[in-house]
């Protein structure tokens, strides 16, 4: 894994990032890594991979799942 150095961060930005990290019960470094992963679209890639894995697991169980579009529509119309 590579290191990244960011210089001249405005004080108010740093304070906001630290507050966000505390609110999420993470270190500043963990919080920054998550922000960078989101910006790079890596969390979306991981989410899609997880969804694919779950979908495959459900298929191997022999269960059939229908399209929930009609159910959602009816629920919204109530």
PDB file of N, CA and C in Angstrom:
ATOM      1  N   UNK A   1       0.854  -1.173   0.000  1.00  0.00           N
ATOM      2  CA  UNK A   1       0.000   0.000   0.000  1.00  0.00           C
ATOM      3  C   UNK A   1       0.899   1.234   0.000  1.00  0.00           C
ATOM      4  N   UNK A   2       0.513   2.232  -0.730  1.00  0.00           N
ATOM      5  CA  UNK A   2       1.288   3.457  -0.872  1.00  0.00           C
ATOM      6  C   UNK A   2       0.862   4.498   0.156  1.00  0.00           C
ATOM      7  N   UNK A   3       1.762   5.455   0.402  1.00  0.00           N
ATOM      8  CA  UNK A   3       1.466   6.578   1.283  1.00  0.00           C
ATOM      9  C   UNK A   3       1.148   7.795   0.435  1.00  0.00           C
ATOM     10  N   UNK A   4       0.394   8.716   1.021  1.00  0.00           N
ATOM     11  CA  UNK A   4       0.021   9.940   0.339  1.00  0.00           C
ATOM     12  C   UNK A   4       0.188  11.093   1.319  1.00  0.00           C
ATOM     13  N   UNK A   5       0.835  12.154   0.888  1.00  0.00           N
ATOM     14  CA  UNK A   5       1.048  13.330   1.723  1.00  0.00           C
ATOM     15  C   UNK A   5       0.244  14.479   1.133  1.00  0.00           C
ATOM     16  N   UNK A   6      -0.579  15.098   1.958  1.00  0.00           N
ATOM     17  CA  UNK A   6      -1.373  16.244   1.528  1.00  0.00           C
ATOM     18  C   UNK A   6      -0.902  17.444   2.336  1.00  0.00           C
ATOM     19  N   UNK A   7      -0.452  18.476   1.642  1.00  0.00           N
ATOM     20  CA  UNK A   7       0.087  19.660   2.312  1.00  0.00           C
ATOM     21  C   UNK A   7      -0.931  20.802   2.301  1.00  0.00           C
ATOM     22  N   UNK A   8      -0.699  21.709   3.227  1.00  0.00           N
ATOM     23  CA  UNK A   8      -1.458  22.971   3.291  1.00  0.00           C
ATOM     24  C   UNK A   8      -2.968  22.773   3.413  1.00  0.00           C
ATOM     25  N   UNK A   9      -3.362  21.877   4.292  1.00  0.00           N
ATOM     26  CA  UNK A   9      -4.787  21.649   4.550  1.00  0.00           C
ATOM     27  C   UNK A   9      -5.296  22.796   5.418  1.00  0.00           C
ATOM     28  N   UNK A  10      -6.333  23.489   4.994  1.00  0.00           N
ATOM     29  CA  UNK A  10      -6.883  24.570   5.820  1.00  0.00           C
ATOM     30  C   UNK A  10      -7.337  24.032   7.184  1.00  0.00           C
ATOM     31  N   UNK A  11      -7.140  24.820   8.201  1.00  0.00           N
ATOM     32  CA  UNK A  11      -7.455  24.393   9.569  1.00  0.00           C
ATOM     33  C   UNK A  11      -8.916  23.973   9.719  1.00  0.00           C
ATOM     34  N   UNK A  12      -9.827  24.727   9.120  1.00  0.00           N
ATOM     35  CA  UNK A  12     -11.245  24.383   9.258  1.00  0.00           C
ATOM     36  C   UNK A  12     -11.580  23.056   8.585  1.00  0.00           C
ATOM     37  N   UNK A  13     -10.883  22.733   7.498  1.00  0.00           N
ATOM     38  CA  UNK A  13     -11.084  21.442   6.826  1.00  0.00           C
ATOM     39  C   UNK A  13     -10.589  20.313   7.723  1.00  0.00           C
ATOM     40  N   UNK A  14      -9.435  20.497   8.317  1.00  0.00           N
ATOM     41  CA  UNK A  14      -8.875  19.475   9.204  1.00  0.00           C
ATOM     42  C   UNK A  14      -9.775  19.248  10.415  1.00  0.00           C
ATOM     43  N   UNK A  15     -10.278  20.333  10.981  1.00  0.00           N
ATOM     44  CA  UNK A  15     -11.188  20.217  12.129  1.00  0.00           C
ATOM     45  C   UNK A  15     -12.440  19.437  11.732  1.00  0.00           C
ATOM     46  N   UNK A  16     -12.971  19.737  10.551  1.00  0.00           N
ATOM     47  CA  UNK A  16     -14.159  19.020  10.078  1.00  0.00           C
ATOM     48  C   UNK A  16     -13.899  17.543   9.853  1.00  0.00           C
ATOM     49  N   UNK A  17     -12.738  17.221   9.287  1.00  0.00           N
ATOM     50  CA  UNK A  17     -12.389  15.812   9.056  1.00  0.00           C
ATOM     51  C   UNK A  17     -12.215  15.057  10.370  1.00  0.00           C
ATOM     52  N   UNK A  18     -11.578  15.707  11.332  1.00  0.00           N
ATOM     53  CA  UNK A  18     -11.399  15.068  12.644  1.00  0.00           C
ATOM     54  C   UNK A  18     -12.748  14.836  13.321  1.00  0.00           C
ATOM     55  N   UNK A  19     -13.645  15.807  13.203  1.00  0.00           N
ATOM     56  CA  UNK A  19     -14.976  15.659  13.797  1.00  0.00           C
ATOM     57  C   UNK A  19     -15.738  14.523  13.136  1.00  0.00           C
ATOM     58  N   UNK A  20     -15.611  14.430  11.831  1.00  0.00           N
ATOM     59  CA  UNK A  20     -16.270  13.331  11.099  1.00  0.00           C
ATOM     60  C   UNK A  20     -15.724  11.987  11.546  1.00  0.00           C
ATOM     61  N   UNK A  21     -14.410  11.901  11.716  1.00  0.00           N
ATOM     62  CA  UNK A  21     -13.789  10.647  12.158  1.00  0.00           C
ATOM     63  C   UNK A  21     -14.289  10.259  13.546  1.00  0.00           C
ATOM     64  N   UNK A  22     -14.348  11.219  14.449  1.00  0.00           N
ATOM     65  CA  UNK A  22     -14.834  10.953  15.802  1.00  0.00           C
ATOM     66  C   UNK A  22     -16.294  10.494  15.761  1.00  0.00           C
ATOM     67  N   UNK A  23     -17.105  11.172  14.964  1.00  0.00           N
ATOM     68  CA  UNK A  23     -18.528  10.819  14.859  1.00  0.00           C
ATOM     69  C   UNK A  23     -18.713   9.397  14.336  1.00  0.00           C
ATOM     70  N   UNK A  24     -17.803   8.945  13.477  1.00  0.00           N
ATOM     71  CA  UNK A  24     -17.884   7.598  12.912  1.00  0.00           C
ATOM     72  C   UNK A  24     -17.058   6.574  13.683  1.00  0.00           C
ATOM     73  N   UNK A  25     -16.505   7.020  14.836  1.00  0.00           N
ATOM     74  CA  UNK A  25     -15.704   6.141  15.707  1.00  0.00           C
ATOM     75  C   UNK A  25     -14.538   5.511  14.946  1.00  0.00           C
ATOM     76  N   UNK A  26     -13.836   6.373  14.186  1.00  0.00           N
ATOM     77  CA  UNK A  26     -12.676   5.929  13.421  1.00  0.00           C
ATOM     78  C   UNK A  26     -11.529   6.889  13.657  1.00  0.00           C
ATOM     79  N   UNK A  27     -10.339   6.430  13.350  1.00  0.00           N
ATOM     80  CA  UNK A  27      -9.188   7.321  13.385  1.00  0.00           C
ATOM     81  C   UNK A  27      -9.272   8.249  12.171  1.00  0.00           C
ATOM     82  N   UNK A  28      -8.516   9.323  12.231  1.00  0.00           N
ATOM     83  CA  UNK A  28      -8.494  10.252  11.102  1.00  0.00           C
ATOM     84  C   UNK A  28      -7.989   9.535   9.850  1.00  0.00           C
ATOM     85  N   UNK A  29      -6.989   8.700   9.996  1.00  0.00           N
ATOM     86  CA  UNK A  29      -6.443   7.978   8.849  1.00  0.00           C
ATOM     87  C   UNK A  29      -7.480   7.036   8.242  1.00  0.00           C
ATOM     88  N   UNK A  30      -8.215   6.318   9.084  1.00  0.00           N
ATOM     89  CA  UNK A  30      -9.259   5.427   8.572  1.00  0.00           C
ATOM     90  C   UNK A  30     -10.338   6.220   7.837  1.00  0.00           C
ATOM     91  N   UNK A  31     -10.720   7.351   8.417  1.00  0.00           N
ATOM     92  CA  UNK A  31     -11.759   8.172   7.809  1.00  0.00           C
ATOM     93  C   UNK A  31     -11.309   8.705   6.451  1.00  0.00           C
ATOM     94  N   UNK A  32     -10.066   9.164   6.374  1.00  0.00           N
ATOM     95  CA  UNK A  32      -9.548   9.677   5.108  1.00  0.00           C
ATOM     96  C   UNK A  32      -9.470   8.579   4.053  1.00  0.00           C
ATOM     97  N   UNK A  33      -9.086   7.382   4.456  1.00  0.00           N
ATOM     98  CA  UNK A  33      -9.017   6.276   3.509  1.00  0.00           C
ATOM     99  C   UNK A  33     -10.399   5.950   2.959  1.00  0.00           C
ATOM    100  N   UNK A  34     -11.399   5.966   3.816  1.00  0.00           N
ATOM    101  CA  UNK A  34     -12.768   5.705   3.369  1.00  0.00           C
ATOM    102  C   UNK A  34     -13.231   6.791   2.401  1.00  0.00           C
ATOM    103  N   UNK A  35     -12.921   8.043   2.709  1.00  0.00           N
ATOM    104  CA  UNK A  35     -13.291   9.146   1.819  1.00  0.00           C
ATOM    105  C   UNK A  35     -12.621   8.974   0.461  1.00  0.00           C
ATOM    106  N   UNK A  36     -11.341   8.615   0.459  1.00  0.00           N
ATOM    107  CA  UNK A  36     -10.627   8.413  -0.800  1.00  0.00           C
ATOM    108  C   UNK A  36     -11.177   7.228  -1.578  1.00  0.00           C
ATOM    109  N   UNK A  37     -11.517   6.134  -0.889  1.00  0.00           N
ATOM    110  CA  UNK A  37     -12.098   4.975  -1.569  1.00  0.00           C
ATOM    111  C   UNK A  37     -13.429   5.341  -2.216  1.00  0.00           C
ATOM    112  N   UNK A  38     -14.254   6.108  -1.500  1.00  0.00           N
ATOM    113  CA  UNK A  38     -15.541   6.532  -2.059  1.00  0.00           C
ATOM    114  C   UNK A  38     -15.326   7.412  -3.282  1.00  0.00           C
ATOM    115  N   UNK A  39     -14.368   8.326  -3.186  1.00  0.00           N
ATOM    116  CA  UNK A  39     -14.094   9.225  -4.309  1.00  0.00           C
ATOM    117  C   UNK A  39     -13.580   8.457  -5.522  1.00  0.00           C
ATOM    118  N   UNK A  40     -12.833   7.388  -5.269  1.00  0.00           N
ATOM    119  CA  UNK A  40     -12.295   6.582  -6.367  1.00  0.00           C
ATOM    120  C   UNK A  40     -13.310   5.562  -6.868  1.00  0.00           C
ATOM    121  N   UNK A  41     -14.462   5.473  -6.232  1.00  0.00           N
ATOM    122  CA  UNK A  41     -15.501   4.538  -6.658  1.00  0.00           C
ATOM    123  C   UNK A  41     -15.261   3.116  -6.206  1.00  0.00           C
ATOM    124  N   UNK A  42     -14.315   2.896  -5.298  1.00  0.00           N
ATOM    125  CA  UNK A  42     -13.995   1.540  -4.879  1.00  0.00           C
ATOM    126  C   UNK A  42     -15.087   0.933  -4.014  1.00  0.00           C
ATOM    127  N   UNK A  43     -15.775   1.748  -3.222  1.00  0.00           N
ATOM    128  CA  UNK A  43     -16.847   1.199  -2.403  1.00  0.00           C
ATOM    129  C   UNK A  43     -17.981   0.682  -3.281  1.00  0.00           C
ATOM    130  N   UNK A  44     -18.247   1.366  -4.384  1.00  0.00           N
ATOM    131  CA  UNK A  44     -19.275   0.905  -5.306  1.00  0.00           C
ATOM    132  C   UNK A  44     -18.882  -0.429  -5.924  1.00  0.00           C
ATOM    133  N   UNK A  45     -17.621  -0.549  -6.287  1.00  0.00           N
ATOM    134  CA  UNK A  45     -17.131  -1.801  -6.863  1.00  0.00           C
ATOM    135  C   UNK A  45     -17.293  -2.930  -5.846  1.00  0.00           C
ATOM    136  N   UNK A  46     -16.917  -2.673  -4.593  1.00  0.00           N
ATOM    137  CA  UNK A  46     -17.056  -3.688  -3.545  1.00  0.00           C
ATOM    138  C   UNK A  46     -18.516  -4.061  -3.327  1.00  0.00           C
ATOM    139  N   UNK A  47     -19.397  -3.067  -3.361  1.00  0.00           N
ATOM    140  CA  UNK A  47     -20.823  -3.323  -3.163  1.00  0.00           C
ATOM    141  C   UNK A  47     -21.389  -4.186  -4.279  1.00  0.00           C
ATOM    142  N   UNK A  48     -20.995  -3.901  -5.505  1.00  0.00           N
ATOM    143  CA  UNK A  48     -21.458  -4.695  -6.644  1.00  0.00           C
ATOM    144  C   UNK A  48     -20.938  -6.120  -6.544  1.00  0.00           C
ATOM    145  N   UNK A  49     -19.674  -6.276  -6.157  1.00  0.00           N
ATOM    146  CA  UNK A  49     -19.103  -7.611  -5.996  1.00  0.00           C
ATOM    147  C   UNK A  49     -19.835  -8.386  -4.903  1.00  0.00           C
ATOM    148  N   UNK A  50     -20.154  -7.721  -3.801  1.00  0.00           N
ATOM    149  CA  UNK A  50     -20.891  -8.367  -2.717  1.00  0.00           C
ATOM    150  C   UNK A  50     -22.280  -8.779  -3.179  1.00  0.00           C
ATOM    151  N   UNK A  51     -22.966  -7.901  -3.912  1.00  0.00           N
ATOM    152  CA  UNK A  51     -24.298  -8.220  -4.423  1.00  0.00           C
ATOM    153  C   UNK A  51     -24.245  -9.420  -5.360  1.00  0.00           C
ATOM    154  N   UNK A  52     -23.237  -9.466  -6.222  1.00  0.00           N
ATOM    155  CA  UNK A  52     -23.073 -10.606  -7.124  1.00  0.00           C
ATOM    156  C   UNK A  52     -22.857 -11.897  -6.346  1.00  0.00           C
ATOM    157  N   UNK A  53     -22.043 -11.821  -5.311  1.00  0.00           N
ATOM    158  CA  UNK A  53     -21.760 -12.999  -4.487  1.00  0.00           C
ATOM    159  C   UNK A  53     -23.037 -13.498  -3.802  1.00  0.00           C
ATOM    160  N   UNK A  54     -23.812 -12.581  -3.244  1.00  0.00           N
ATOM    161  CA  UNK A  54     -25.069 -12.956  -2.584  1.00  0.00           C
ATOM    162  C   UNK A  54     -26.040 -13.546  -3.600  1.00  0.00           C
ATOM    163  N   UNK A  55     -26.131 -12.931  -4.773  1.00  0.00           N
ATOM    164  CA  UNK A  55     -27.022 -13.425  -5.822  1.00  0.00           C
ATOM    165  C   UNK A  55     -26.666 -14.856  -6.211  1.00  0.00           C
ATOM    166  N   UNK A  56     -25.377 -15.120  -6.390  1.00  0.00           N
ATOM    167  CA  UNK A  56     -24.931 -16.466  -6.752  1.00  0.00           C
ATOM    168  C   UNK A  56     -25.236 -17.466  -5.637  1.00  0.00           C
ATOM    169  N   UNK A  57     -25.030 -17.055  -4.400  1.00  0.00           N
ATOM    170  CA  UNK A  57     -25.307 -17.934  -3.261  1.00  0.00           C
ATOM    171  C   UNK A  57     -26.794 -18.297  -3.216  1.00  0.00           C
ATOM    172  N   UNK A  58     -27.656 -17.313  -3.458  1.00  0.00           N
ATOM    173  CA  UNK A  58     -29.090 -17.581  -3.451  1.00  0.00           C
ATOM    174  C   UNK A  58     -29.493 -18.510  -4.589  1.00  0.00           C
ATOM    175  N   UNK A  59     -28.855 -18.353  -5.748  1.00  0.00           N
ATOM    176  CA  UNK A  59     -29.154 -19.229  -6.884  1.00  0.00           C
ATOM    177  C   UNK A  59     -28.800 -20.675  -6.568  1.00  0.00           C
ATOM    178  N   UNK A  60     -27.693 -20.905  -5.894  1.00  0.00           N
ATOM    179  CA  UNK A  60     -27.259 -22.271  -5.596  1.00  0.00           C
ATOM    180  C   UNK A  60     -28.158 -22.948  -4.572  1.00  0.00           C
ATOM    181  N   UNK A  61     -28.943 -22.154  -3.845  1.00  0.00           N
ATOM    182  CA  UNK A  61     -29.858 -22.730  -2.867  1.00  0.00           C
ATOM    183  C   UNK A  61     -31.153 -23.215  -3.510  1.00  0.00           C
ATOM    184  N   UNK A  62     -31.286 -22.965  -4.800  1.00  0.00           N
ATOM    185  CA  UNK A  62     -32.453 -23.456  -5.516  1.00  0.00           C
ATOM    186  C   UNK A  62     -33.708 -22.645  -5.297  1.00  0.00           C
ATOM    187  N   UNK A  63     -33.613 -21.526  -4.633  1.00  0.00           N
ATOM    188  CA  UNK A  63     -34.789 -20.695  -4.399  1.00  0.00           C
ATOM    189  C   UNK A  63     -35.008 -19.770  -5.586  1.00  0.00           C
ATOM    190  N   UNK A  64     -36.247 -19.428  -5.810  1.00  0.00           N
ATOM    191  CA  UNK A  64     -36.586 -18.509  -6.893  1.00  0.00           C
ATOM    192  C   UNK A  64     -37.113 -17.216  -6.280  1.00  0.00           C
ATOM    193  N   UNK A  65     -36.596 -16.129  -6.795  1.00  0.00           N
ATOM    194  CA  UNK A  65     -37.003 -14.816  -6.319  1.00  0.00           C
ATOM    195  C   UNK A  65     -37.533 -14.017  -7.496  1.00  0.00           C
ATOM    196  N   UNK A  66     -38.721 -13.463  -7.304  1.00  0.00           N
ATOM    197  CA  UNK A  66     -39.335 -12.690  -8.369  1.00  0.00           C
ATOM    198  C   UNK A  66     -38.882 -11.241  -8.352  1.00  0.00           C
ATOM    199  N   UNK A  67     -39.346 -10.505  -9.329  1.00  0.00           N
ATOM    200  CA  UNK A  67     -39.062  -9.085  -9.427  1.00  0.00           C
ATOM    201  C   UNK A  67     -39.957  -8.350  -8.435  1.00  0.00           C
ATOM    202  N   UNK A  68     -39.385  -7.553  -7.573  1.00  0.00           N
ATOM    203  CA  UNK A  68     -40.149  -6.868  -6.532  1.00  0.00           C
ATOM    204  C   UNK A  68     -40.694  -5.514  -6.980  1.00  0.00           C
ATOM    205  N   UNK A  69     -40.533  -5.184  -8.239  1.00  0.00           N
ATOM    206  CA  UNK A  69     -40.964  -3.875  -8.737  1.00  0.00           C
ATOM    207  C   UNK A  69     -42.444  -3.625  -8.477  1.00  0.00           C
ATOM    208  N   UNK A  70     -43.291  -4.596  -8.787  1.00  0.00           N
ATOM    209  CA  UNK A  70     -44.734  -4.417  -8.579  1.00  0.00           C
ATOM    210  C   UNK A  70     -45.070  -4.252  -7.104  1.00  0.00           C
ATOM    211  N   UNK A  71     -44.408  -4.996  -6.237  1.00  0.00           N
ATOM    212  CA  UNK A  71     -44.652  -4.879  -4.806  1.00  0.00           C
ATOM    213  C   UNK A  71     -44.278  -3.491  -4.297  1.00  0.00           C
ATOM    214  N   UNK A  72     -43.174  -2.964  -4.760  1.00  0.00           N
ATOM    215  CA  UNK A  72     -42.735  -1.634  -4.338  1.00  0.00           C
ATOM    216  C   UNK A  72     -43.713  -0.576  -4.832  1.00  0.00           C
ATOM    217  N   UNK A  73     -44.154  -0.712  -6.091  1.00  0.00           N
ATOM    218  CA  UNK A  73     -45.128   0.236  -6.640  1.00  0.00           C
ATOM    219  C   UNK A  73     -46.420   0.260  -5.830  1.00  0.00           C
ATOM    220  N   UNK A  74     -46.935  -0.929  -5.544  1.00  0.00           N
ATOM    221  CA  UNK A  74     -48.172  -0.998  -4.761  1.00  0.00           C
ATOM    222  C   UNK A  74     -47.998  -0.403  -3.392  1.00  0.00           C
ATOM    223  N   UNK A  75     -46.856  -0.650  -2.784  1.00  0.00           N
ATOM    224  CA  UNK A  75     -46.591  -0.099  -1.456  1.00  0.00           C
ATOM    225  C   UNK A  75     -46.532   1.428  -1.503  1.00  0.00           C
ATOM    226  N   UNK A  76     -45.929   1.978  -2.531  1.00  0.00           N
ATOM    227  CA  UNK A  76     -45.831   3.430  -2.657  1.00  0.00           C
ATOM    228  C   UNK A  76     -47.176   4.090  -2.926  1.00  0.00           C
ATOM    229  N   UNK A  77     -48.063   3.364  -3.561  1.00  0.00           N
ATOM    230  CA  UNK A  77     -49.394   3.901  -3.888  1.00  0.00           C
ATOM    231  C   UNK A  77     -50.320   3.938  -2.688  1.00  0.00           C
ATOM    232  N   UNK A  78     -49.963   3.246  -1.612  1.00  0.00           N
ATOM    233  CA  UNK A  78     -50.848   3.224  -0.436  1.00  0.00           C
ATOM    234  C   UNK A  78     -50.881   4.551   0.250  1.00  0.00           C
TER     235      UNK A  78
END
